[in-house]
Amino acid sequence: MFNPLKFIQSVKQEAFKVTWPTRKDVLVGSLMVFALATIAAIFFLLLDQIYKVLLDIILNINISI
């Protein structure tokens, strides 16, 4: 049979086993996410500009013909 008191005790025991990240770990992780998001944004910006130039070239070739 289900015993709510025993369930709450086991939840409490498991909660004490949780290890929280240190302030340094959170800071390093946040900075890495910010850096990688910035790198990805710059990469996609450059890729978009390259595609725009190539598309302009292709469209100008078709207009000239």
PDB file of N, CA and C in Angstrom:
ATOM      1  N   MET A   1       0.834  -1.176   0.000  1.00  0.00           N
ATOM      2  CA  MET A   1       0.000   0.000   0.000  1.00  0.00           C
ATOM      3  C   MET A   1       0.888   1.251   0.000  1.00  0.00           C
ATOM      4  N   PHE A   2       0.399   2.320  -0.597  1.00  0.00           N
ATOM      5  CA  PHE A   2       1.139   3.571  -0.719  1.00  0.00           C
ATOM      6  C   PHE A   2       1.145   4.310   0.625  1.00  0.00           C
ATOM      7  N   ASN A   3       2.364   4.662   1.088  1.00  0.00           N
ATOM      8  CA  ASN A   3       2.508   5.371   2.355  1.00  0.00           C
ATOM      9  C   ASN A   3       3.017   6.780   2.064  1.00  0.00           C
ATOM     10  N   PRO A   4       2.178   7.808   2.195  1.00  0.00           N
ATOM     11  CA  PRO A   4       2.597   9.170   1.876  1.00  0.00           C
ATOM     12  C   PRO A   4       3.756   9.663   2.744  1.00  0.00           C
ATOM     13  N   LEU A   5       3.798   9.274   4.001  1.00  0.00           N
ATOM     14  CA  LEU A   5       4.867   9.718   4.896  1.00  0.00           C
ATOM     15  C   LEU A   5       6.217   9.161   4.438  1.00  0.00           C
ATOM     16  N   LYS A   6       6.234   7.898   4.065  1.00  0.00           N
ATOM     17  CA  LYS A   6       7.475   7.284   3.589  1.00  0.00           C
ATOM     18  C   LYS A   6       7.910   7.926   2.267  1.00  0.00           C
ATOM     19  N   PHE A   7       6.950   8.248   1.406  1.00  0.00           N
ATOM     20  CA  PHE A   7       7.263   8.906   0.134  1.00  0.00           C
ATOM     21  C   PHE A   7       7.912  10.271   0.375  1.00  0.00           C
ATOM     22  N   ILE A   8       7.345  11.052   1.302  1.00  0.00           N
ATOM     23  CA  ILE A   8       7.884  12.380   1.601  1.00  0.00           C
ATOM     24  C   ILE A   8       9.290  12.263   2.182  1.00  0.00           C
ATOM     25  N   GLN A   9       9.514  11.260   3.035  1.00  0.00           N
ATOM     26  CA  GLN A   9      10.851  11.060   3.600  1.00  0.00           C
ATOM     27  C   GLN A   9      11.868  10.721   2.513  1.00  0.00           C
ATOM     28  N   SER A  10      11.491   9.885   1.561  1.00  0.00           N
ATOM     29  CA  SER A  10      12.437   9.539   0.489  1.00  0.00           C
ATOM     30  C   SER A  10      12.672  10.719  -0.447  1.00  0.00           C
ATOM     31  N   VAL A  11      11.665  11.544  -0.661  1.00  0.00           N
ATOM     32  CA  VAL A  11      11.866  12.746  -1.469  1.00  0.00           C
ATOM     33  C   VAL A  11      12.835  13.681  -0.759  1.00  0.00           C
ATOM     34  N   LYS A  12      12.688  13.818   0.542  1.00  0.00           N
ATOM     35  CA  LYS A  12      13.586  14.668   1.324  1.00  0.00           C
ATOM     36  C   LYS A  12      15.022  14.135   1.270  1.00  0.00           C
ATOM     37  N   GLN A  13      15.209  12.836   1.364  1.00  0.00           N
ATOM     38  CA  GLN A  13      16.547  12.243   1.281  1.00  0.00           C
ATOM     39  C   GLN A  13      17.174  12.517  -0.082  1.00  0.00           C
ATOM     40  N   GLU A  14      16.395  12.385  -1.125  1.00  0.00           N
ATOM     41  CA  GLU A  14      16.915  12.638  -2.473  1.00  0.00           C
ATOM     42  C   GLU A  14      17.245  14.117  -2.667  1.00  0.00           C
ATOM     43  N   ALA A  15      16.461  14.989  -2.062  1.00  0.00           N
ATOM     44  CA  ALA A  15      16.702  16.427  -2.190  1.00  0.00           C
ATOM     45  C   ALA A  15      18.034  16.809  -1.563  1.00  0.00           C
ATOM     46  N   PHE A  16      18.423  16.139  -0.489  1.00  0.00           N
ATOM     47  CA  PHE A  16      19.703  16.434   0.156  1.00  0.00           C
ATOM     48  C   PHE A  16      20.886  15.928  -0.679  1.00  0.00           C
ATOM     49  N   LYS A  17      20.649  15.022  -1.599  1.00  0.00           N
ATOM     50  CA  LYS A  17      21.719  14.503  -2.454  1.00  0.00           C
ATOM     51  C   LYS A  17      22.046  15.433  -3.628  1.00  0.00           C
ATOM     52  N   VAL A  18      21.177  16.405  -3.876  1.00  0.00           N
ATOM     53  CA  VAL A  18      21.370  17.313  -5.004  1.00  0.00           C
ATOM     54  C   VAL A  18      22.568  18.214  -4.729  1.00  0.00           C
ATOM     55  N   THR A  19      23.447  18.334  -5.713  1.00  0.00           N
ATOM     56  CA  THR A  19      24.580  19.247  -5.583  1.00  0.00           C
ATOM     57  C   THR A  19      24.357  20.405  -6.542  1.00  0.00           C
ATOM     58  N   TRP A  20      24.346  21.606  -6.010  1.00  0.00           N
ATOM     59  CA  TRP A  20      24.125  22.794  -6.808  1.00  0.00           C
ATOM     60  C   TRP A  20      25.442  23.272  -7.373  1.00  0.00           C
ATOM     61  N   PRO A  21      25.425  23.853  -8.580  1.00  0.00           N
ATOM     62  CA  PRO A  21      26.679  24.360  -9.143  1.00  0.00           C
ATOM     63  C   PRO A  21      27.190  25.558  -8.350  1.00  0.00           C
ATOM     64  N   THR A  22      28.499  25.723  -8.385  1.00  0.00           N
ATOM     65  CA  THR A  22      29.088  26.859  -7.686  1.00  0.00           C
ATOM     66  C   THR A  22      28.851  28.124  -8.495  1.00  0.00           C
ATOM     67  N   ARG A  23      29.126  29.256  -7.867  1.00  0.00           N
ATOM     68  CA  ARG A  23      28.961  30.547  -8.531  1.00  0.00           C
ATOM     69  C   ARG A  23      29.883  30.618  -9.754  1.00  0.00           C
ATOM     70  N   LYS A  24      31.088  30.085  -9.618  1.00  0.00           N
ATOM     71  CA  LYS A  24      32.047  30.096 -10.721  1.00  0.00           C
ATOM     72  C   LYS A  24      31.539  29.246 -11.892  1.00  0.00           C
ATOM     73  N   ASP A  25      30.983  28.073 -11.595  1.00  0.00           N
ATOM     74  CA  ASP A  25      30.450  27.202 -12.653  1.00  0.00           C
ATOM     75  C   ASP A  25      29.325  27.891 -13.422  1.00  0.00           C
ATOM     76  N   VAL A  26      28.440  28.572 -12.697  1.00  0.00           N
ATOM     77  CA  VAL A  26      27.327  29.272 -13.340  1.00  0.00           C
ATOM     78  C   VAL A  26      27.850  30.400 -14.214  1.00  0.00           C
ATOM     79  N   LEU A  27      28.839  31.150 -13.702  1.00  0.00           N
ATOM     80  CA  LEU A  27      29.409  32.264 -14.458  1.00  0.00           C
ATOM     81  C   LEU A  27      30.100  31.776 -15.724  1.00  0.00           C
ATOM     82  N   VAL A  28      30.916  30.733 -15.600  1.00  0.00           N
ATOM     83  CA  VAL A  28      31.621  30.198 -16.768  1.00  0.00           C
ATOM     84  C   VAL A  28      30.628  29.643 -17.789  1.00  0.00           C
ATOM     85  N   GLY A  29      29.625  28.927 -17.325  1.00  0.00           N
ATOM     86  CA  GLY A  29      28.618  28.385 -18.231  1.00  0.00           C
ATOM     87  C   GLY A  29      27.850  29.474 -18.955  1.00  0.00           C
ATOM     88  N   SER A  30      27.485  30.529 -18.229  1.00  0.00           N
ATOM     89  CA  SER A  30      26.748  31.635 -18.840  1.00  0.00           C
ATOM     90  C   SER A  30      27.603  32.357 -19.879  1.00  0.00           C
ATOM     91  N   LEU A  31      28.879  32.577 -19.553  1.00  0.00           N
ATOM     92  CA  LEU A  31      29.765  33.240 -20.508  1.00  0.00           C
ATOM     93  C   LEU A  31      29.983  32.387 -21.756  1.00  0.00           C
ATOM     94  N   MET A  32      30.078  31.082 -21.594  1.00  0.00           N
ATOM     95  CA  MET A  32      30.244  30.196 -22.753  1.00  0.00           C
ATOM     96  C   MET A  32      29.000  30.235 -23.643  1.00  0.00           C
ATOM     97  N   VAL A  33      27.834  30.238 -23.044  1.00  0.00           N
ATOM     98  CA  VAL A  33      26.602  30.315 -23.833  1.00  0.00           C
ATOM     99  C   VAL A  33      26.545  31.631 -24.592  1.00  0.00           C
ATOM    100  N   PHE A  34      26.872  32.733 -23.921  1.00  0.00           N
ATOM    101  CA  PHE A  34      26.861  34.040 -24.562  1.00  0.00           C
ATOM    102  C   PHE A  34      27.878  34.094 -25.705  1.00  0.00           C
ATOM    103  N   ALA A  35      29.082  33.576 -25.473  1.00  0.00           N
ATOM    104  CA  ALA A  35      30.126  33.596 -26.501  1.00  0.00           C
ATOM    105  C   ALA A  35      29.721  32.751 -27.710  1.00  0.00           C
ATOM    106  N   LEU A  36      29.216  31.560 -27.474  1.00  0.00           N
ATOM    107  CA  LEU A  36      28.832  30.693 -28.585  1.00  0.00           C
ATOM    108  C   LEU A  36      27.628  31.240 -29.347  1.00  0.00           C
ATOM    109  N   ALA A  37      26.702  31.868 -28.648  1.00  0.00           N
ATOM    110  CA  ALA A  37      25.560  32.485 -29.334  1.00  0.00           C
ATOM    111  C   ALA A  37      26.027  33.645 -30.205  1.00  0.00           C
ATOM    112  N   THR A  38      26.996  34.421 -29.711  1.00  0.00           N
ATOM    113  CA  THR A  38      27.540  35.529 -30.494  1.00  0.00           C
ATOM    114  C   THR A  38      28.267  35.006 -31.729  1.00  0.00           C
ATOM    115  N   ILE A  39      29.067  33.971 -31.556  1.00  0.00           N
ATOM    116  CA  ILE A  39      29.787  33.381 -32.691  1.00  0.00           C
ATOM    117  C   ILE A  39      28.802  32.842 -33.722  1.00  0.00           C
ATOM    118  N   ALA A  40      27.759  32.163 -33.264  1.00  0.00           N
ATOM    119  CA  ALA A  40      26.755  31.620 -34.187  1.00  0.00           C
ATOM    120  C   ALA A  40      26.039  32.744 -34.927  1.00  0.00           C
ATOM    121  N   ALA A  41      25.724  33.838 -34.237  1.00  0.00           N
ATOM    122  CA  ALA A  41      25.037  34.963 -34.882  1.00  0.00           C
ATOM    123  C   ALA A  41      25.922  35.594 -35.957  1.00  0.00           C
ATOM    124  N   ILE A  42      27.207  35.759 -35.655  1.00  0.00           N
ATOM    125  CA  ILE A  42      28.125  36.328 -36.646  1.00  0.00           C
ATOM    126  C   ILE A  42      28.278  35.382 -37.831  1.00  0.00           C
ATOM    127  N   PHE A  43      28.376  34.083 -37.560  1.00  0.00           N
ATOM    128  CA  PHE A  43      28.497  33.096 -38.638  1.00  0.00           C
ATOM    129  C   PHE A  43      27.297  33.159 -39.580  1.00  0.00           C
ATOM    130  N   PHE A  44      26.093  33.171 -39.010  1.00  0.00           N
ATOM    131  CA  PHE A  44      24.903  33.187 -39.855  1.00  0.00           C
ATOM    132  C   PHE A  44      24.727  34.528 -40.568  1.00  0.00           C
ATOM    133  N   LEU A  45      25.185  35.604 -39.960  1.00  0.00           N
ATOM    134  CA  LEU A  45      25.161  36.894 -40.633  1.00  0.00           C
ATOM    135  C   LEU A  45      26.064  36.861 -41.869  1.00  0.00           C
ATOM    136  N   LEU A  46      27.276  36.346 -41.700  1.00  0.00           N
ATOM    137  CA  LEU A  46      28.199  36.252 -42.837  1.00  0.00           C
ATOM    138  C   LEU A  46      27.664  35.312 -43.915  1.00  0.00           C
ATOM    139  N   LEU A  47      27.113  34.189 -43.503  1.00  0.00           N
ATOM    140  CA  LEU A  47      26.554  33.241 -44.463  1.00  0.00           C
ATOM    141  C   LEU A  47      25.393  33.873 -45.237  1.00  0.00           C
ATOM    142  N   ASP A  48      24.563  34.630 -44.552  1.00  0.00           N
ATOM    143  CA  ASP A  48      23.446  35.314 -45.193  1.00  0.00           C
ATOM    144  C   ASP A  48      23.950  36.340 -46.205  1.00  0.00           C
ATOM    145  N   GLN A  49      24.991  37.063 -45.862  1.00  0.00           N
ATOM    146  CA  GLN A  49      25.548  38.058 -46.778  1.00  0.00           C
ATOM    147  C   GLN A  49      26.155  37.388 -48.016  1.00  0.00           C
ATOM    148  N   ILE A  50      26.822  36.272 -47.824  1.00  0.00           N
ATOM    149  CA  ILE A  50      27.396  35.533 -48.958  1.00  0.00           C
ATOM    150  C   ILE A  50      26.283  35.047 -49.883  1.00  0.00           C
ATOM    151  N   TYR A  51      25.228  34.475 -49.299  1.00  0.00           N
ATOM    152  CA  TYR A  51      24.093  34.019 -50.118  1.00  0.00           C
ATOM    153  C   TYR A  51      23.441  35.180 -50.860  1.00  0.00           C
ATOM    154  N   LYS A  52      23.348  36.341 -50.216  1.00  0.00           N
ATOM    155  CA  LYS A  52      22.753  37.512 -50.857  1.00  0.00           C
ATOM    156  C   LYS A  52      23.574  37.926 -52.073  1.00  0.00           C
ATOM    157  N   VAL A  53      24.899  37.956 -51.925  1.00  0.00           N
ATOM    158  CA  VAL A  53      25.766  38.339 -53.049  1.00  0.00           C
ATOM    159  C   VAL A  53      25.637  37.327 -54.180  1.00  0.00           C
ATOM    160  N   LEU A  54      25.656  36.050 -53.844  1.00  0.00           N
ATOM    161  CA  LEU A  54      25.528  35.016 -54.879  1.00  0.00           C
ATOM    162  C   LEU A  54      24.174  35.083 -55.577  1.00  0.00           C
ATOM    163  N   LEU A  55      23.121  35.320 -54.821  1.00  0.00           N
ATOM    164  CA  LEU A  55      21.792  35.425 -55.420  1.00  0.00           C
ATOM    165  C   LEU A  55      21.698  36.647 -56.327  1.00  0.00           C
ATOM    166  N   ASP A  56      22.293  37.762 -55.907  1.00  0.00           N
ATOM    167  CA  ASP A  56      22.305  38.950 -56.761  1.00  0.00           C
ATOM    168  C   ASP A  56      23.044  38.672 -58.070  1.00  0.00           C
ATOM    169  N   ILE A  57      24.160  37.956 -57.997  1.00  0.00           N
ATOM    170  CA  ILE A  57      24.920  37.616 -59.194  1.00  0.00           C
ATOM    171  C   ILE A  57      24.067  36.745 -60.121  1.00  0.00           C
ATOM    172  N   ILE A  58      23.421  35.742 -59.556  1.00  0.00           N
ATOM    173  CA  ILE A  58      22.590  34.831 -60.362  1.00  0.00           C
ATOM    174  C   ILE A  58      21.437  35.593 -61.011  1.00  0.00           C
ATOM    175  N   LEU A  59      20.778  36.459 -60.253  1.00  0.00           N
ATOM    176  CA  LEU A  59      19.653  37.206 -60.812  1.00  0.00           C
ATOM    177  C   LEU A  59      20.103  38.200 -61.878  1.00  0.00           C
ATOM    178  N   ASN A  60      21.258  38.807 -61.718  1.00  0.00           N
ATOM    179  CA  ASN A  60      21.763  39.736 -62.725  1.00  0.00           C
ATOM    180  C   ASN A  60      22.166  39.012 -64.005  1.00  0.00           C
ATOM    181  N   ILE A  61      22.625  37.779 -63.888  1.00  0.00           N
ATOM    182  CA  ILE A  61      22.956  36.998 -65.096  1.00  0.00           C
ATOM    183  C   ILE A  61      21.683  36.710 -65.878  1.00  0.00           C
ATOM    184  N   ASN A  62      20.612  36.361 -65.224  1.00  0.00           N
ATOM    185  CA  ASN A  62      19.355  36.047 -65.883  1.00  0.00           C
ATOM    186  C   ASN A  62      18.734  37.292 -66.526  1.00  0.00           C
ATOM    187  N   ILE A  63      18.903  38.438 -65.912  1.00  0.00           N
ATOM    188  CA  ILE A  63      18.353  39.679 -66.477  1.00  0.00           C
ATOM    189  C   ILE A  63      19.126  40.091 -67.726  1.00  0.00           C
ATOM    190  N   SER A  64      20.422  39.873 -67.738  1.00  0.00           N
ATOM    191  CA  SER A  64      21.266  40.258 -68.856  1.00  0.00           C
ATOM    192  C   SER A  64      20.968  39.443 -70.108  1.00  0.00           C
ATOM    193  N   ILE A  65      20.508  38.267 -69.969  1.00  0.00           N
ATOM    194  CA  ILE A  65      20.294  37.374 -71.116  1.00  0.00           C
ATOM    195  C   ILE A  65      19.064  37.735 -71.867  1.00  0.00           C
TER     196      ILE A  65
END
